[in-house]
Amino acid sequence: MMGKLQSFSRREWWRIYPTRGKLKNYLAVCDVLGSMEGIPIEVSAAHGVLVSEPSEEPWKGKLITFSENPKLQMVEGDDLISKI
């Protein structure tokens, strides 16, 4: 199942990723408050990765968590699944 999810995720990612070049100077704010769980927090994280990847420095690969203690976070991982 995970292999199918990864394959689907990559296809969908490359379908919408042409936004690169359009999102040059953006920093995503991801809601990770305690009230967020399940699909909503996963969507928030995925949106953060989607915005951070095509952004240019200094924001490329970074996002801010929306919580009681907001922090600048690095988006790390070797593939899409590990980044989310």
N, C-alpha and C. Protein backbone atom coordinates (compact mmCIF):
# COMPACT_ATOMS: atom_id res chain seq x y z
N MET A 1 0.82 -1.20 0.00
CA MET A 1 0.00 0.00 0.00
C MET A 1 0.86 1.26 0.00
N MET A 2 1.92 1.28 0.83
CA MET A 2 2.76 2.47 0.91
C MET A 2 3.41 2.78 -0.43
N GLY A 3 3.81 1.75 -1.18
CA GLY A 3 4.39 1.97 -2.50
C GLY A 3 3.42 2.65 -3.44
N LYS A 4 2.15 2.23 -3.40
CA LYS A 4 1.13 2.86 -4.24
C LYS A 4 0.92 4.31 -3.82
N LEU A 5 0.90 4.56 -2.50
CA LEU A 5 0.73 5.93 -2.01
C LEU A 5 1.89 6.81 -2.46
N GLN A 6 3.11 6.30 -2.36
CA GLN A 6 4.27 7.08 -2.78
C GLN A 6 4.22 7.37 -4.27
N SER A 7 3.85 6.39 -5.07
CA SER A 7 3.76 6.58 -6.52
C SER A 7 2.69 7.62 -6.86
N PHE A 8 1.52 7.48 -6.24
CA PHE A 8 0.44 8.45 -6.46
C PHE A 8 0.87 9.84 -6.02
N SER A 9 1.50 9.94 -4.85
CA SER A 9 1.92 11.23 -4.32
C SER A 9 2.91 11.92 -5.26
N ARG A 10 3.86 11.16 -5.78
CA ARG A 10 4.84 11.75 -6.69
C ARG A 10 4.17 12.27 -7.96
N ARG A 11 3.24 11.47 -8.50
CA ARG A 11 2.54 11.90 -9.72
C ARG A 11 1.75 13.18 -9.46
N GLU A 12 1.02 13.21 -8.37
CA GLU A 12 0.23 14.39 -8.04
C GLU A 12 1.14 15.59 -7.78
N TRP A 13 2.25 15.37 -7.10
CA TRP A 13 3.19 16.45 -6.80
C TRP A 13 3.68 17.09 -8.10
N TRP A 14 4.11 16.26 -9.05
CA TRP A 14 4.64 16.81 -10.30
C TRP A 14 3.55 17.42 -11.17
N ARG A 15 2.30 17.03 -10.93
CA ARG A 15 1.19 17.65 -11.66
C ARG A 15 0.99 19.09 -11.21
N ILE A 16 1.15 19.35 -9.91
CA ILE A 16 0.92 20.71 -9.40
C ILE A 16 2.20 21.50 -9.19
N TYR A 17 3.35 20.84 -9.24
CA TYR A 17 4.62 21.51 -8.97
C TYR A 17 5.01 22.59 -9.98
N PRO A 18 4.41 22.67 -11.16
CA PRO A 18 4.79 23.75 -12.08
C PRO A 18 4.59 25.14 -11.52
N THR A 19 4.09 25.25 -10.29
CA THR A 19 4.01 26.57 -9.66
C THR A 19 5.41 27.11 -9.38
N ARG A 20 6.44 26.26 -9.48
CA ARG A 20 7.79 26.77 -9.23
C ARG A 20 8.06 27.89 -10.24
N GLY A 21 8.73 28.88 -9.78
CA GLY A 21 8.95 30.06 -10.60
C GLY A 21 7.89 31.11 -10.35
N LYS A 22 6.75 30.70 -9.81
CA LYS A 22 5.69 31.64 -9.47
C LYS A 22 5.68 31.95 -7.98
N LEU A 23 6.11 31.00 -7.18
CA LEU A 23 6.17 31.19 -5.73
C LEU A 23 7.63 31.39 -5.33
N LYS A 24 8.15 32.55 -5.60
CA LYS A 24 9.57 32.79 -5.37
C LYS A 24 9.88 33.28 -3.97
N ASN A 25 9.01 34.09 -3.41
CA ASN A 25 9.34 34.76 -2.16
C ASN A 25 8.23 34.53 -1.13
N TYR A 26 7.91 33.26 -0.89
CA TYR A 26 6.83 32.90 0.01
C TYR A 26 7.36 32.07 1.17
N LEU A 27 6.72 32.24 2.32
CA LEU A 27 7.02 31.44 3.49
C LEU A 27 5.70 30.90 4.02
N ALA A 28 5.56 29.60 4.07
CA ALA A 28 4.31 28.98 4.54
C ALA A 28 4.23 29.03 6.06
N VAL A 29 3.01 29.22 6.55
CA VAL A 29 2.72 29.13 7.98
C VAL A 29 1.81 27.92 8.14
N CYS A 30 2.26 26.92 8.88
CA CYS A 30 1.53 25.67 9.03
C CYS A 30 0.93 25.56 10.42
N ASP A 31 -0.37 25.33 10.47
CA ASP A 31 -1.09 25.20 11.74
C ASP A 31 -0.81 23.82 12.34
N VAL A 32 -0.14 23.81 13.47
CA VAL A 32 0.15 22.56 14.16
C VAL A 32 -0.29 22.64 15.62
N LEU A 33 -1.32 23.45 15.88
CA LEU A 33 -1.85 23.55 17.23
C LEU A 33 -2.36 22.20 17.71
N GLY A 34 -2.46 22.04 19.00
CA GLY A 34 -2.92 20.78 19.58
C GLY A 34 -4.28 20.35 19.09
N SER A 35 -5.10 21.30 18.65
CA SER A 35 -6.44 20.95 18.15
C SER A 35 -6.39 20.33 16.76
N MET A 36 -5.26 20.44 16.08
CA MET A 36 -5.12 19.88 14.74
C MET A 36 -4.65 18.43 14.86
N GLU A 37 -5.30 17.54 14.16
CA GLU A 37 -4.87 16.14 14.13
C GLU A 37 -5.41 15.47 12.88
N GLY A 38 -4.86 14.33 12.57
CA GLY A 38 -5.34 13.55 11.43
C GLY A 38 -5.15 14.27 10.10
N ILE A 39 -6.15 14.17 9.25
CA ILE A 39 -6.07 14.73 7.90
C ILE A 39 -5.82 16.23 7.90
N PRO A 40 -6.47 17.04 8.76
CA PRO A 40 -6.20 18.48 8.71
C PRO A 40 -4.73 18.85 8.94
N ILE A 41 -4.07 18.21 9.89
CA ILE A 41 -2.67 18.55 10.14
C ILE A 41 -1.78 18.02 9.00
N GLU A 42 -2.16 16.90 8.40
CA GLU A 42 -1.41 16.38 7.26
C GLU A 42 -1.53 17.31 6.06
N VAL A 43 -2.71 17.86 5.84
CA VAL A 43 -2.91 18.81 4.75
C VAL A 43 -2.11 20.08 5.01
N SER A 44 -2.10 20.54 6.25
CA SER A 44 -1.33 21.73 6.60
C SER A 44 0.16 21.50 6.32
N ALA A 45 0.68 20.34 6.72
CA ALA A 45 2.08 20.02 6.48
C ALA A 45 2.37 19.91 4.98
N ALA A 46 1.49 19.26 4.24
CA ALA A 46 1.69 19.11 2.80
C ALA A 46 1.68 20.47 2.11
N HIS A 47 0.79 21.35 2.53
CA HIS A 47 0.74 22.69 1.96
C HIS A 47 2.04 23.43 2.24
N GLY A 48 2.55 23.28 3.45
CA GLY A 48 3.82 23.92 3.79
C GLY A 48 4.95 23.46 2.89
N VAL A 49 5.02 22.16 2.63
CA VAL A 49 6.05 21.62 1.75
C VAL A 49 5.83 22.12 0.33
N LEU A 50 4.60 22.13 -0.12
CA LEU A 50 4.28 22.59 -1.47
C LEU A 50 4.73 24.03 -1.69
N VAL A 51 4.57 24.88 -0.69
CA VAL A 51 4.98 26.28 -0.81
C VAL A 51 6.49 26.43 -0.64
N SER A 52 7.09 25.66 0.26
CA SER A 52 8.52 25.85 0.55
C SER A 52 9.44 25.34 -0.55
N GLU A 53 9.05 24.28 -1.24
CA GLU A 53 9.93 23.69 -2.25
C GLU A 53 10.26 24.63 -3.41
N PRO A 54 9.29 25.27 -4.05
CA PRO A 54 9.65 26.13 -5.18
C PRO A 54 10.12 27.53 -4.77
N SER A 55 10.01 27.87 -3.49
CA SER A 55 10.44 29.19 -3.04
C SER A 55 11.95 29.32 -3.19
N GLU A 56 12.39 30.55 -3.32
CA GLU A 56 13.83 30.80 -3.43
C GLU A 56 14.38 31.16 -2.05
N GLU A 57 15.69 31.16 -1.94
CA GLU A 57 16.32 31.57 -0.69
C GLU A 57 15.91 33.00 -0.37
N PRO A 58 15.70 33.33 0.86
CA PRO A 58 16.05 32.54 2.04
C PRO A 58 14.96 31.61 2.53
N TRP A 59 13.83 31.48 1.81
CA TRP A 59 12.69 30.71 2.31
C TRP A 59 12.61 29.29 1.79
N LYS A 60 13.43 28.93 0.82
CA LYS A 60 13.36 27.57 0.26
C LYS A 60 13.59 26.53 1.36
N GLY A 61 12.68 25.56 1.43
CA GLY A 61 12.84 24.48 2.40
C GLY A 61 12.56 24.88 3.83
N LYS A 62 11.82 25.97 4.02
CA LYS A 62 11.51 26.43 5.37
C LYS A 62 10.03 26.74 5.50
N LEU A 63 9.52 26.65 6.73
CA LEU A 63 8.16 27.06 7.04
C LEU A 63 8.10 27.49 8.49
N ILE A 64 7.05 28.19 8.84
CA ILE A 64 6.84 28.61 10.23
C ILE A 64 5.67 27.82 10.77
N THR A 65 5.84 27.30 11.98
CA THR A 65 4.73 26.60 12.63
C THR A 65 3.82 27.62 13.30
N PHE A 66 2.53 27.43 13.15
CA PHE A 66 1.53 28.26 13.81
C PHE A 66 1.12 27.51 15.06
N SER A 67 1.64 27.96 16.20
CA SER A 67 1.37 27.30 17.46
C SER A 67 1.58 28.32 18.58
N GLU A 68 1.51 27.85 19.82
CA GLU A 68 1.75 28.76 20.94
C GLU A 68 3.18 29.29 20.90
N ASN A 69 4.10 28.51 20.36
CA ASN A 69 5.51 28.90 20.24
C ASN A 69 5.94 28.74 18.78
N PRO A 70 5.60 29.71 17.92
CA PRO A 70 5.95 29.58 16.50
C PRO A 70 7.47 29.43 16.31
N LYS A 71 7.85 28.58 15.38
CA LYS A 71 9.27 28.36 15.10
C LYS A 71 9.48 28.25 13.60
N LEU A 72 10.63 28.73 13.17
CA LEU A 72 11.05 28.53 11.79
C LEU A 72 11.59 27.10 11.70
N GLN A 73 11.02 26.30 10.82
CA GLN A 73 11.39 24.90 10.69
C GLN A 73 12.00 24.64 9.32
N MET A 74 12.97 23.75 9.29
CA MET A 74 13.55 23.30 8.04
C MET A 74 12.75 22.09 7.55
N VAL A 75 12.42 22.06 6.27
CA VAL A 75 11.74 20.91 5.68
C VAL A 75 12.84 19.95 5.25
N GLU A 76 12.91 18.81 5.91
CA GLU A 76 13.98 17.85 5.66
C GLU A 76 13.43 16.54 5.12
N GLY A 77 14.24 15.86 4.38
CA GLY A 77 13.86 14.55 3.85
C GLY A 77 14.41 14.37 2.46
N ASP A 78 14.50 13.11 2.06
CA ASP A 78 15.04 12.78 0.75
C ASP A 78 13.96 12.66 -0.32
N ASP A 79 12.71 12.47 0.11
CA ASP A 79 11.63 12.34 -0.85
C ASP A 79 10.38 13.03 -0.30
N LEU A 80 9.37 13.10 -1.11
CA LEU A 80 8.15 13.81 -0.74
C LEU A 80 7.52 13.26 0.53
N ILE A 81 7.41 11.96 0.65
CA ILE A 81 6.77 11.35 1.81
C ILE A 81 7.53 11.70 3.09
N SER A 82 8.84 11.62 3.07
CA SER A 82 9.60 11.92 4.29
C SER A 82 9.58 13.41 4.64
N LYS A 83 9.37 14.26 3.65
CA LYS A 83 9.28 15.70 3.94
C LYS A 83 7.97 16.04 4.63
N ILE A 84 6.92 15.31 4.32
CA ILE A 84 5.62 15.57 4.93
C ILE A 84 5.56 14.84 6.25
